[in-house]
Amino acid sequence: MLFSLPSRARLKHPPKGGRLKLSSSPKTKLLSDVLWTSMVALKKSADAFPPLKSAVCGTMALWDIVKRAKHSKADACAIALRAQEILHIIADAVPDASAIPEPMLRSITRFTVLLDDIGCSMQIVSDTPTVTRLMHLNRNEQMLQRIRTQLDEAQRDFDTASNLRIEVQQAQLALKHSETHLEIKGLSQTAHRSNTYTRFIVFLAVP
């Protein structure tokens, strides 16, 4: 089953290397505004494609948690950036007006479900009182590491589905090339037989 993706805005690439700290500096605020604006633009352009829009909304929800976080803001920000990076990969891998194969669609859906789970976990950590949070540092760190691992696995999952689409497209192209070659060969053989028959008729007609 294939789904057509409407024209949409592209995501801005998130900054590479290090963490984006949500300080009050104008430069950082401008960067945060640019990232958020790109998300809003993609959300609007994905109205006709619910799976992608759901993934955008899930990522925006993570950023909303980052903005409201009372604790572990840097960790929450790093997770939101990683999620947005994967969303960018998804948006970039699905060209405008193209058909989306089932494996890619299922991968996007799984990513959306993961974003919801991550959002719940991040909300719990950000709302945890300082004393309680300090008492469970190891547990919280393990949870953050698990989230990072899950996001990495989500990207690999989509990459696998995307590569499968490329392999299918290449196989279809090779099949089409083979069919075209056979058609040309058939036309050539037909033309050859026609020329042979014509020469034979001309030979018989000569006294």
N, C-alpha and C. Protein backbone atom coordinates (compact mmCIF):
# COMPACT_ATOMS: atom_id res chain seq x y z
N MET A 1 0.85 -1.19 0.00
CA MET A 1 0.00 0.00 0.00
C MET A 1 0.88 1.23 0.00
N LEU A 2 0.56 2.22 -0.82
CA LEU A 2 1.39 3.41 -0.95
C LEU A 2 0.60 4.63 -0.54
N PHE A 3 1.28 5.62 0.03
CA PHE A 3 0.65 6.86 0.45
C PHE A 3 1.40 8.02 -0.18
N SER A 4 0.67 8.97 -0.75
CA SER A 4 1.29 10.12 -1.38
C SER A 4 1.52 11.21 -0.36
N LEU A 5 2.69 11.79 -0.36
CA LEU A 5 3.04 12.85 0.56
C LEU A 5 2.90 14.19 -0.14
N PRO A 6 2.14 15.15 0.43
CA PRO A 6 1.97 16.45 -0.19
C PRO A 6 3.22 17.29 -0.08
N SER A 7 3.25 18.39 -0.81
CA SER A 7 4.38 19.31 -0.74
C SER A 7 4.49 19.85 0.67
N ARG A 8 5.71 20.00 1.19
CA ARG A 8 5.88 20.44 2.55
C ARG A 8 7.19 21.18 2.70
N ALA A 9 7.32 21.89 3.81
CA ALA A 9 8.55 22.62 4.10
C ALA A 9 9.59 21.66 4.62
N ARG A 10 10.85 21.99 4.43
CA ARG A 10 11.94 21.15 4.94
C ARG A 10 12.31 21.60 6.34
N LEU A 11 12.77 20.66 7.11
CA LEU A 11 13.26 20.98 8.44
C LEU A 11 14.64 21.60 8.36
N LYS A 12 14.91 22.49 9.27
CA LYS A 12 16.27 23.01 9.40
C LYS A 12 17.12 21.95 10.07
N HIS A 13 18.36 21.84 9.65
CA HIS A 13 19.26 20.89 10.31
C HIS A 13 19.53 21.36 11.72
N PRO A 14 19.40 20.50 12.73
CA PRO A 14 19.76 20.89 14.09
C PRO A 14 21.27 21.03 14.18
N PRO A 15 21.77 21.85 15.09
CA PRO A 15 23.21 22.04 15.21
C PRO A 15 23.89 20.74 15.59
N LYS A 16 25.04 20.48 15.00
CA LYS A 16 25.78 19.25 15.28
C LYS A 16 26.86 19.50 16.32
N GLY A 17 27.01 18.51 17.21
CA GLY A 17 28.06 18.59 18.21
C GLY A 17 27.63 19.36 19.43
N GLY A 18 27.76 18.74 20.59
CA GLY A 18 27.43 19.42 21.82
C GLY A 18 25.94 19.52 22.05
N ARG A 19 25.58 20.18 23.13
CA ARG A 19 24.19 20.33 23.48
C ARG A 19 23.76 21.78 23.31
N LEU A 20 22.51 21.95 22.97
CA LEU A 20 21.95 23.28 22.88
C LEU A 20 21.42 23.65 24.25
N LYS A 21 22.06 24.58 24.92
CA LYS A 21 21.64 25.00 26.25
C LYS A 21 20.65 26.16 26.10
N LEU A 22 19.52 26.02 26.79
CA LEU A 22 18.49 27.03 26.69
C LEU A 22 18.78 28.17 27.65
N SER A 23 19.73 29.00 27.30
CA SER A 23 20.06 30.15 28.12
C SER A 23 19.23 31.33 27.65
N SER A 24 19.45 32.47 28.24
CA SER A 24 18.68 33.66 27.89
C SER A 24 19.40 34.51 26.86
N SER A 25 20.53 34.05 26.33
CA SER A 25 21.27 34.84 25.37
C SER A 25 20.47 35.00 24.09
N PRO A 26 20.56 36.16 23.43
CA PRO A 26 19.80 36.40 22.19
C PRO A 26 20.13 35.38 21.11
N LYS A 27 21.41 34.97 21.00
CA LYS A 27 21.81 34.03 19.97
C LYS A 27 21.14 32.68 20.17
N THR A 28 21.13 32.20 21.42
CA THR A 28 20.51 30.91 21.72
C THR A 28 19.01 30.97 21.51
N LYS A 29 18.40 32.08 21.92
CA LYS A 29 16.95 32.24 21.74
C LYS A 29 16.60 32.26 20.27
N LEU A 30 17.44 32.92 19.45
CA LEU A 30 17.20 32.98 18.01
C LEU A 30 17.27 31.58 17.40
N LEU A 31 18.28 30.80 17.83
CA LEU A 31 18.42 29.43 17.32
C LEU A 31 17.21 28.59 17.70
N SER A 32 16.76 28.73 18.95
CA SER A 32 15.59 27.99 19.40
C SER A 32 14.35 28.39 18.61
N ASP A 33 14.22 29.67 18.32
CA ASP A 33 13.07 30.16 17.54
C ASP A 33 13.10 29.61 16.12
N VAL A 34 14.29 29.53 15.53
CA VAL A 34 14.42 29.00 14.17
C VAL A 34 14.01 27.53 14.13
N LEU A 35 14.46 26.75 15.11
CA LEU A 35 14.10 25.34 15.17
C LEU A 35 12.59 25.18 15.34
N TRP A 36 12.01 25.97 16.22
CA TRP A 36 10.58 25.87 16.46
C TRP A 36 9.78 26.30 15.23
N THR A 37 10.22 27.37 14.56
CA THR A 37 9.52 27.85 13.37
C THR A 37 9.53 26.80 12.27
N SER A 38 10.65 26.11 12.11
CA SER A 38 10.74 25.06 11.09
C SER A 38 9.79 23.91 11.41
N MET A 39 9.62 23.61 12.70
CA MET A 39 8.71 22.56 13.10
C MET A 39 7.26 22.94 12.80
N VAL A 40 6.92 24.20 13.08
CA VAL A 40 5.56 24.68 12.82
C VAL A 40 5.26 24.63 11.33
N ALA A 41 6.25 25.04 10.51
CA ALA A 41 6.06 25.03 9.05
C ALA A 41 5.85 23.61 8.54
N LEU A 42 6.62 22.66 9.06
CA LEU A 42 6.48 21.27 8.62
C LEU A 42 5.13 20.70 9.06
N LYS A 43 4.70 21.07 10.25
CA LYS A 43 3.41 20.59 10.76
C LYS A 43 2.27 21.05 9.85
N LYS A 44 2.31 22.31 9.45
CA LYS A 44 1.26 22.85 8.59
C LYS A 44 1.26 22.16 7.23
N SER A 45 2.44 21.90 6.69
CA SER A 45 2.52 21.31 5.35
C SER A 45 2.22 19.82 5.35
N ALA A 46 2.20 19.20 6.53
CA ALA A 46 1.94 17.75 6.62
C ALA A 46 0.50 17.45 7.02
N ASP A 47 -0.38 18.43 6.90
CA ASP A 47 -1.78 18.24 7.30
C ASP A 47 -2.43 17.06 6.59
N ALA A 48 -2.08 16.85 5.32
CA ALA A 48 -2.71 15.79 4.53
C ALA A 48 -2.02 14.44 4.71
N PHE A 49 -1.00 14.38 5.55
CA PHE A 49 -0.28 13.12 5.77
C PHE A 49 -0.15 12.89 7.27
N PRO A 50 -1.17 12.31 7.91
CA PRO A 50 -1.21 12.15 9.36
C PRO A 50 0.01 11.50 10.00
N PRO A 51 0.61 10.44 9.42
CA PRO A 51 1.78 9.83 10.09
C PRO A 51 2.93 10.81 10.31
N LEU A 52 3.24 11.60 9.28
CA LEU A 52 4.33 12.56 9.43
C LEU A 52 3.94 13.67 10.40
N LYS A 53 2.70 14.13 10.31
CA LYS A 53 2.24 15.19 11.21
C LYS A 53 2.28 14.73 12.66
N SER A 54 1.93 13.48 12.91
CA SER A 54 1.98 12.93 14.27
C SER A 54 3.40 12.92 14.81
N ALA A 55 4.37 12.58 13.94
CA ALA A 55 5.77 12.59 14.36
C ALA A 55 6.24 14.00 14.66
N VAL A 56 5.78 14.97 13.85
CA VAL A 56 6.13 16.37 14.10
C VAL A 56 5.55 16.82 15.44
N CYS A 57 4.28 16.49 15.68
CA CYS A 57 3.63 16.89 16.93
C CYS A 57 4.33 16.25 18.13
N GLY A 58 4.76 15.00 17.98
CA GLY A 58 5.47 14.33 19.06
C GLY A 58 6.78 15.01 19.39
N THR A 59 7.50 15.45 18.35
CA THR A 59 8.77 16.15 18.56
C THR A 59 8.53 17.52 19.17
N MET A 60 7.49 18.21 18.71
CA MET A 60 7.16 19.52 19.27
C MET A 60 6.78 19.39 20.75
N ALA A 61 6.14 18.29 21.11
CA ALA A 61 5.78 18.06 22.51
C ALA A 61 7.03 17.93 23.38
N LEU A 62 8.08 17.31 22.82
CA LEU A 62 9.34 17.21 23.57
C LEU A 62 9.94 18.59 23.80
N TRP A 63 9.89 19.43 22.78
CA TRP A 63 10.42 20.79 22.93
C TRP A 63 9.60 21.58 23.95
N ASP A 64 8.31 21.33 23.99
CA ASP A 64 7.46 22.01 24.97
C ASP A 64 7.84 21.59 26.38
N ILE A 65 8.19 20.32 26.55
CA ILE A 65 8.64 19.84 27.86
C ILE A 65 9.96 20.50 28.23
N VAL A 66 10.85 20.65 27.24
CA VAL A 66 12.14 21.31 27.48
C VAL A 66 11.93 22.73 27.99
N LYS A 67 11.01 23.45 27.35
CA LYS A 67 10.77 24.85 27.74
C LYS A 67 10.22 24.95 29.16
N ARG A 68 9.42 23.96 29.57
CA ARG A 68 8.77 24.01 30.88
C ARG A 68 9.54 23.24 31.95
N ALA A 69 10.63 22.58 31.56
CA ALA A 69 11.36 21.72 32.50
C ALA A 69 11.93 22.53 33.66
N LYS A 70 11.77 21.97 34.85
CA LYS A 70 12.33 22.60 36.04
C LYS A 70 13.71 22.02 36.36
N HIS A 71 13.94 20.79 35.94
CA HIS A 71 15.20 20.12 36.21
C HIS A 71 15.65 19.37 34.96
N SER A 72 16.94 19.04 34.92
CA SER A 72 17.51 18.25 33.81
C SER A 72 17.20 18.86 32.45
N LYS A 73 17.21 20.17 32.37
CA LYS A 73 16.86 20.86 31.13
C LYS A 73 17.85 20.53 30.01
N ALA A 74 19.15 20.45 30.35
CA ALA A 74 20.16 20.16 29.32
C ALA A 74 19.96 18.77 28.72
N ASP A 75 19.68 17.78 29.58
CA ASP A 75 19.44 16.42 29.08
C ASP A 75 18.18 16.37 28.23
N ALA A 76 17.14 17.05 28.68
CA ALA A 76 15.88 17.07 27.92
C ALA A 76 16.08 17.74 26.57
N CYS A 77 16.88 18.79 26.55
CA CYS A 77 17.16 19.50 25.30
C CYS A 77 17.92 18.62 24.33
N ALA A 78 18.90 17.88 24.84
CA ALA A 78 19.69 16.99 23.98
C ALA A 78 18.80 15.91 23.36
N ILE A 79 17.86 15.40 24.13
CA ILE A 79 16.94 14.37 23.62
C ILE A 79 16.02 14.96 22.55
N ALA A 80 15.51 16.16 22.81
CA ALA A 80 14.63 16.81 21.83
C ALA A 80 15.37 17.09 20.52
N LEU A 81 16.63 17.50 20.64
CA LEU A 81 17.44 17.75 19.45
C LEU A 81 17.66 16.46 18.66
N ARG A 82 17.91 15.37 19.37
CA ARG A 82 18.13 14.08 18.69
C ARG A 82 16.85 13.65 17.98
N ALA A 83 15.72 13.84 18.63
CA ALA A 83 14.44 13.48 18.01
C ALA A 83 14.19 14.33 16.77
N GLN A 84 14.53 15.61 16.86
CA GLN A 84 14.32 16.48 15.70
C GLN A 84 15.27 16.12 14.56
N GLU A 85 16.47 15.69 14.91
CA GLU A 85 17.42 15.25 13.89
C GLU A 85 16.87 14.05 13.12
N ILE A 86 16.28 13.09 13.85
CA ILE A 86 15.69 11.92 13.20
C ILE A 86 14.50 12.34 12.35
N LEU A 87 13.69 13.27 12.85
CA LEU A 87 12.55 13.76 12.08
C LEU A 87 13.02 14.41 10.79
N HIS A 88 14.13 15.12 10.86
CA HIS A 88 14.71 15.72 9.65
C HIS A 88 15.12 14.64 8.65
N ILE A 89 15.72 13.57 9.15
CA ILE A 89 16.12 12.46 8.28
C ILE A 89 14.90 11.86 7.59
N ILE A 90 13.82 11.69 8.35
CA ILE A 90 12.59 11.14 7.79
C ILE A 90 12.03 12.07 6.71
N ALA A 91 11.94 13.36 7.03
CA ALA A 91 11.39 14.32 6.07
C ALA A 91 12.25 14.41 4.82
N ASP A 92 13.56 14.31 4.99
CA ASP A 92 14.47 14.43 3.85
C ASP A 92 14.44 13.18 2.97
N ALA A 93 14.14 12.03 3.59
CA ALA A 93 14.14 10.76 2.84
C ALA A 93 12.86 10.56 2.05
N VAL A 94 11.84 11.33 2.38
CA VAL A 94 10.55 11.21 1.69
C VAL A 94 10.36 12.43 0.80
N PRO A 95 10.69 12.33 -0.49
CA PRO A 95 10.58 13.48 -1.39
C PRO A 95 9.14 13.89 -1.61
N ASP A 96 8.95 15.13 -2.07
CA ASP A 96 7.62 15.63 -2.35
C ASP A 96 6.93 14.80 -3.42
N ALA A 97 5.62 14.64 -3.25
CA ALA A 97 4.77 13.97 -4.24
C ALA A 97 5.25 12.55 -4.55
N SER A 98 5.88 11.90 -3.57
CA SER A 98 6.35 10.53 -3.80
C SER A 98 5.45 9.56 -3.06
N ALA A 99 5.57 8.29 -3.36
CA ALA A 99 4.78 7.25 -2.69
C ALA A 99 5.60 6.66 -1.56
N ILE A 100 4.98 6.46 -0.41
CA ILE A 100 5.66 5.94 0.75
C ILE A 100 5.31 4.46 0.94
N PRO A 101 6.26 3.56 0.82
CA PRO A 101 5.99 2.13 1.00
C PRO A 101 5.59 1.81 2.44
N GLU A 102 4.95 0.68 2.64
CA GLU A 102 4.49 0.26 3.96
C GLU A 102 5.62 0.18 5.00
N PRO A 103 6.81 -0.38 4.67
CA PRO A 103 7.87 -0.45 5.69
C PRO A 103 8.25 0.92 6.24
N MET A 104 8.33 1.93 5.37
CA MET A 104 8.66 3.28 5.83
C MET A 104 7.53 3.85 6.67
N LEU A 105 6.30 3.59 6.26
CA LEU A 105 5.15 4.09 7.00
C LEU A 105 5.12 3.49 8.40
N ARG A 106 5.36 2.19 8.50
CA ARG A 106 5.38 1.53 9.82
C ARG A 106 6.50 2.07 10.69
N SER A 107 7.64 2.37 10.08
CA SER A 107 8.77 2.92 10.82
C SER A 107 8.43 4.29 11.39
N ILE A 108 7.76 5.12 10.59
CA ILE A 108 7.34 6.45 11.06
C ILE A 108 6.35 6.32 12.21
N THR A 109 5.44 5.37 12.10
CA THR A 109 4.45 5.15 13.15
C THR A 109 5.12 4.70 14.45
N ARG A 110 6.09 3.79 14.34
CA ARG A 110 6.81 3.34 15.54
C ARG A 110 7.58 4.49 16.17
N PHE A 111 8.15 5.36 15.36
CA PHE A 111 8.88 6.52 15.87
C PHE A 111 7.93 7.44 16.64
N THR A 112 6.73 7.63 16.13
CA THR A 112 5.74 8.48 16.79
C THR A 112 5.35 7.91 18.15
N VAL A 113 5.13 6.60 18.22
CA VAL A 113 4.80 5.95 19.49
C VAL A 113 5.95 6.11 20.48
N LEU A 114 7.18 5.98 19.99
CA LEU A 114 8.36 6.15 20.85
C LEU A 114 8.43 7.56 21.40
N LEU A 115 8.11 8.56 20.57
CA LEU A 115 8.13 9.95 21.03
C LEU A 115 7.15 10.17 22.18
N ASP A 116 5.99 9.55 22.09
CA ASP A 116 5.00 9.67 23.17
C ASP A 116 5.55 9.08 24.47
N ASP A 117 6.18 7.91 24.37
CA ASP A 117 6.76 7.27 25.56
C ASP A 117 7.88 8.12 26.16
N ILE A 118 8.72 8.66 25.28
CA ILE A 118 9.83 9.50 25.74
C ILE A 118 9.29 10.75 26.42
N GLY A 119 8.26 11.34 25.86
CA GLY A 119 7.67 12.54 26.44
C GLY A 119 7.18 12.29 27.86
N CYS A 120 6.54 11.15 28.09
CA CYS A 120 6.06 10.80 29.43
C CYS A 120 7.22 10.66 30.41
N SER A 121 8.28 9.99 29.97
CA SER A 121 9.45 9.79 30.84
C SER A 121 10.14 11.11 31.15
N MET A 122 10.29 11.96 30.13
CA MET A 122 10.94 13.26 30.34
C MET A 122 10.13 14.13 31.28
N GLN A 123 8.82 14.07 31.16
CA GLN A 123 7.96 14.88 32.03
C GLN A 123 8.11 14.48 33.48
N ILE A 124 8.21 13.18 33.72
CA ILE A 124 8.37 12.69 35.09
C ILE A 124 9.68 13.18 35.69
N VAL A 125 10.77 13.09 34.93
CA VAL A 125 12.08 13.51 35.43
C VAL A 125 12.11 15.01 35.67
N SER A 126 11.56 15.79 34.72
CA SER A 126 11.62 17.25 34.85
C SER A 126 10.78 17.76 36.01
N ASP A 127 9.73 17.01 36.39
CA ASP A 127 8.86 17.44 37.49
C ASP A 127 9.28 16.88 38.84
N THR A 128 10.27 16.01 38.85
CA THR A 128 10.71 15.39 40.11
C THR A 128 11.43 16.41 40.99
N PRO A 129 11.08 16.51 42.26
CA PRO A 129 11.77 17.44 43.16
C PRO A 129 13.27 17.17 43.22
N THR A 130 14.02 18.19 43.53
CA THR A 130 15.48 18.08 43.51
C THR A 130 15.99 16.97 44.43
N VAL A 131 15.48 16.91 45.65
CA VAL A 131 15.96 15.91 46.61
C VAL A 131 15.72 14.50 46.09
N THR A 132 14.50 14.26 45.61
CA THR A 132 14.17 12.93 45.08
C THR A 132 15.01 12.60 43.86
N ARG A 133 15.22 13.61 43.03
CA ARG A 133 16.01 13.40 41.81
C ARG A 133 17.45 13.03 42.15
N LEU A 134 18.02 13.69 43.17
CA LEU A 134 19.39 13.40 43.58
C LEU A 134 19.50 11.99 44.17
N MET A 135 18.43 11.53 44.79
CA MET A 135 18.44 10.19 45.38
C MET A 135 18.38 9.10 44.31
N HIS A 136 17.94 9.46 43.14
CA HIS A 136 17.78 8.46 42.07
C HIS A 136 18.57 8.85 40.82
N LEU A 137 19.77 9.39 41.02
CA LEU A 137 20.58 9.83 39.89
C LEU A 137 20.89 8.68 38.94
N ASN A 138 21.29 7.54 39.50
CA ASN A 138 21.64 6.39 38.66
C ASN A 138 20.45 5.92 37.84
N ARG A 139 19.28 5.86 38.49
CA ARG A 139 18.08 5.41 37.78
C ARG A 139 17.72 6.38 36.66
N ASN A 140 17.83 7.67 36.95
CA ASN A 140 17.51 8.67 35.93
C ASN A 140 18.50 8.61 34.77
N GLU A 141 19.77 8.41 35.10
CA GLU A 141 20.79 8.33 34.05
C GLU A 141 20.56 7.09 33.18
N GLN A 142 20.18 6.00 33.80
CA GLN A 142 19.87 4.78 33.04
C GLN A 142 18.68 5.01 32.10
N MET A 143 17.69 5.75 32.58
CA MET A 143 16.53 6.04 31.76
C MET A 143 16.91 6.91 30.56
N LEU A 144 17.75 7.93 30.81
CA LEU A 144 18.20 8.81 29.74
C LEU A 144 19.02 8.04 28.71
N GLN A 145 19.86 7.13 29.20
CA GLN A 145 20.66 6.31 28.28
C GLN A 145 19.76 5.40 27.47
N ARG A 146 18.72 4.86 28.11
CA ARG A 146 17.78 4.01 27.39
C ARG A 146 17.06 4.80 26.29
N ILE A 147 16.70 6.04 26.59
CA ILE A 147 16.03 6.88 25.60
C ILE A 147 16.95 7.16 24.42
N ARG A 148 18.21 7.47 24.73
CA ARG A 148 19.17 7.73 23.65
C ARG A 148 19.34 6.49 22.77
N THR A 149 19.41 5.33 23.41
CA THR A 149 19.53 4.08 22.65
C THR A 149 18.30 3.83 21.78
N GLN A 150 17.13 4.09 22.34
CA GLN A 150 15.89 3.89 21.59
C GLN A 150 15.81 4.83 20.38
N LEU A 151 16.29 6.05 20.53
CA LEU A 151 16.29 6.99 19.41
C LEU A 151 17.26 6.53 18.32
N ASP A 152 18.42 6.03 18.75
CA ASP A 152 19.38 5.50 17.76
C ASP A 152 18.77 4.32 17.01
N GLU A 153 18.07 3.46 17.73
CA GLU A 153 17.43 2.30 17.10
C GLU A 153 16.32 2.74 16.15
N ALA A 154 15.61 3.81 16.52
CA ALA A 154 14.55 4.33 15.66
C ALA A 154 15.11 4.84 14.34
N GLN A 155 16.28 5.49 14.42
CA GLN A 155 16.91 5.97 13.18
C GLN A 155 17.35 4.79 12.32
N ARG A 156 17.95 3.78 12.93
CA ARG A 156 18.38 2.61 12.17
C ARG A 156 17.18 1.90 11.55
N ASP A 157 16.08 1.87 12.28
CA ASP A 157 14.85 1.24 11.79
C ASP A 157 14.37 1.95 10.52
N PHE A 158 14.36 3.28 10.55
CA PHE A 158 13.91 4.02 9.37
C PHE A 158 14.92 3.90 8.24
N ASP A 159 16.21 3.94 8.57
CA ASP A 159 17.24 3.79 7.53
C ASP A 159 17.08 2.46 6.80
N THR A 160 16.79 1.40 7.57
CA THR A 160 16.60 0.09 6.96
C THR A 160 15.41 0.09 6.01
N ALA A 161 14.30 0.70 6.46
CA ALA A 161 13.11 0.78 5.61
C ALA A 161 13.37 1.63 4.37
N SER A 162 14.14 2.71 4.55
CA SER A 162 14.46 3.59 3.43
C SER A 162 15.35 2.88 2.42
N ASN A 163 16.33 2.13 2.93
CA ASN A 163 17.23 1.38 2.03
C ASN A 163 16.46 0.30 1.28
N LEU A 164 15.48 -0.30 1.96
CA LEU A 164 14.66 -1.32 1.30
C LEU A 164 13.88 -0.71 0.14
N ARG A 165 13.39 0.50 0.34
CA ARG A 165 12.67 1.18 -0.74
C ARG A 165 13.59 1.41 -1.93
N ILE A 166 14.84 1.82 -1.65
CA ILE A 166 15.80 2.05 -2.72
C ILE A 166 16.08 0.76 -3.48
N GLU A 167 16.24 -0.35 -2.74
CA GLU A 167 16.49 -1.64 -3.39
C GLU A 167 15.31 -2.05 -4.27
N VAL A 168 14.09 -1.81 -3.78
CA VAL A 168 12.90 -2.14 -4.58
C VAL A 168 12.85 -1.29 -5.83
N GLN A 169 13.16 0.00 -5.68
CA GLN A 169 13.16 0.89 -6.84
C GLN A 169 14.20 0.46 -7.86
N GLN A 170 15.38 0.06 -7.38
CA GLN A 170 16.42 -0.40 -8.29
C GLN A 170 16.01 -1.68 -9.00
N ALA A 171 15.35 -2.59 -8.27
CA ALA A 171 14.87 -3.83 -8.88
C ALA A 171 13.81 -3.54 -9.94
N GLN A 172 12.91 -2.60 -9.63
CA GLN A 172 11.88 -2.23 -10.59
C GLN A 172 12.49 -1.59 -11.83
N LEU A 173 13.52 -0.76 -11.61
CA LEU A 173 14.19 -0.11 -12.73
C LEU A 173 14.90 -1.14 -13.60
N ALA A 174 15.55 -2.12 -12.96
CA ALA A 174 16.24 -3.18 -13.71
C ALA A 174 15.24 -4.01 -14.51
N LEU A 175 14.08 -4.30 -13.90
CA LEU A 175 13.05 -5.06 -14.60
C LEU A 175 12.52 -4.28 -15.79
N LYS A 176 12.30 -2.99 -15.59
CA LYS A 176 11.81 -2.16 -16.69
C LYS A 176 12.83 -2.09 -17.82
N HIS A 177 14.11 -1.99 -17.45
CA HIS A 177 15.18 -1.95 -18.45
C HIS A 177 15.21 -3.26 -19.23
N SER A 178 15.05 -4.39 -18.50
CA SER A 178 15.05 -5.69 -19.15
C SER A 178 13.87 -5.83 -20.11
N GLU A 179 12.69 -5.37 -19.67
CA GLU A 179 11.50 -5.44 -20.52
C GLU A 179 11.67 -4.58 -21.76
N THR A 180 12.26 -3.40 -21.58
CA THR A 180 12.50 -2.51 -22.72
C THR A 180 13.47 -3.15 -23.71
N HIS A 181 14.51 -3.79 -23.16
CA HIS A 181 15.49 -4.47 -24.01
C HIS A 181 14.83 -5.58 -24.81
N LEU A 182 13.95 -6.35 -24.16
CA LEU A 182 13.26 -7.44 -24.86
C LEU A 182 12.33 -6.89 -25.94
N GLU A 183 11.67 -5.77 -25.65
CA GLU A 183 10.78 -5.17 -26.64
C GLU A 183 11.58 -4.71 -27.86
N ILE A 184 12.72 -4.08 -27.61
CA ILE A 184 13.56 -3.62 -28.71
C ILE A 184 14.07 -4.81 -29.53
N LYS A 185 14.47 -5.87 -28.81
CA LYS A 185 14.96 -7.07 -29.49
C LYS A 185 13.85 -7.69 -30.34
N GLY A 186 12.62 -7.72 -29.78
CA GLY A 186 11.49 -8.26 -30.52
C GLY A 186 11.18 -7.45 -31.76
N LEU A 187 11.22 -6.13 -31.65
CA LEU A 187 10.98 -5.26 -32.80
C LEU A 187 12.05 -5.46 -33.86
N SER A 188 13.30 -5.64 -33.40
CA SER A 188 14.40 -5.85 -34.33
C SER A 188 14.23 -7.16 -35.09
N GLN A 189 13.82 -8.21 -34.37
CA GLN A 189 13.60 -9.51 -35.02
C GLN A 189 12.43 -9.44 -36.00
N THR A 190 11.38 -8.72 -35.63
CA THR A 190 10.23 -8.57 -36.52
C THR A 190 10.63 -7.82 -37.79
N ALA A 191 11.41 -6.77 -37.62
CA ALA A 191 11.87 -6.00 -38.78
C ALA A 191 12.76 -6.84 -39.68
N HIS A 192 13.60 -7.67 -39.05
CA HIS A 192 14.49 -8.53 -39.83
C HIS A 192 13.69 -9.54 -40.65
N ARG A 193 12.68 -10.17 -40.01
CA ARG A 193 11.84 -11.12 -40.73
C ARG A 193 11.08 -10.45 -41.86
N SER A 194 10.63 -9.22 -41.60
CA SER A 194 9.89 -8.48 -42.63
C SER A 194 10.77 -8.17 -43.82
N ASN A 195 12.00 -7.78 -43.55
CA ASN A 195 12.94 -7.47 -44.64
C ASN A 195 13.27 -8.74 -45.43
N THR A 196 13.45 -9.85 -44.72
CA THR A 196 13.75 -11.12 -45.40
C THR A 196 12.59 -11.54 -46.30
N TYR A 197 11.37 -11.40 -45.79
CA TYR A 197 10.19 -11.76 -46.57
C TYR A 197 10.05 -10.87 -47.79
N THR A 198 10.32 -9.58 -47.60
CA THR A 198 10.22 -8.63 -48.72
C THR A 198 11.22 -8.99 -49.82
N ARG A 199 12.46 -9.30 -49.42
CA ARG A 199 13.47 -9.67 -50.41
C ARG A 199 13.08 -10.96 -51.13
N PHE A 200 12.47 -11.89 -50.40
CA PHE A 200 12.06 -13.16 -51.01
C PHE A 200 10.95 -12.92 -52.05
N ILE A 201 9.99 -12.06 -51.71
CA ILE A 201 8.91 -11.74 -52.64
C ILE A 201 9.45 -11.07 -53.89
N VAL A 202 10.39 -10.15 -53.68
CA VAL A 202 11.00 -9.45 -54.82
C VAL A 202 11.75 -10.44 -55.70
N PHE A 203 12.44 -11.40 -55.06
CA PHE A 203 13.19 -12.41 -55.81
C PHE A 203 12.25 -13.26 -56.67
N LEU A 204 11.10 -13.66 -56.09
CA LEU A 204 10.14 -14.47 -56.85
C LEU A 204 9.50 -13.68 -57.99
N ALA A 205 9.38 -12.38 -57.79
CA ALA A 205 8.73 -11.54 -58.82
C ALA A 205 9.64 -11.27 -60.01
N VAL A 206 10.91 -11.49 -59.83
CA VAL A 206 11.85 -11.22 -60.94
C VAL A 206 11.75 -12.35 -61.96
N PRO A 207 11.51 -12.05 -63.31
CA PRO A 207 11.41 -13.09 -64.35
C PRO A 207 12.74 -13.82 -64.56
